């Protein structure tokens, strides 16, 4: 069972504050943020590959590979090469979707031509513990401006 944790961003102080100062609770239930100054974000249940807790609105980086292919030499009956259609670093903003799990959107890539290739840029990707937290949308708002979600 995943641990239920939250953090709170203060719009006024422009930093994360202790969660108990930002929420109203009743027993074990979080009722609401005390006022509109606070943005309460939930822990996703995932720690990144260096041990950082991943929360909603974090910006993460993942090594993305897709389209695995193998070349075989039929004379020696052995695989001689492995390659991927896409092998790049992808960044995005973390969200929790109850129906699909932990995803990123606002997706960008170090190599956009290779990442998209013959395909449309995905609107979201699922993530796991192989990601690395590189920031959050509060301290790095320019990320959102540069990487708007795909519009068809």
Foldseek 3Di string as FASTA:
>chain_A
DADKDKWKAFQVVLGIDPPVVFFDDDVPDTDDGPDPRIDIWIFQSAAAPVGHTDIFQFKKKAFDFAAWDWDADPVVGGTDDIDTLATWIKIFGWDQDPVPGIKGALIDTPDVCSCQPVHDDDRIDHDHRHMDGPGGCSVCVVSCVVRPGDDD
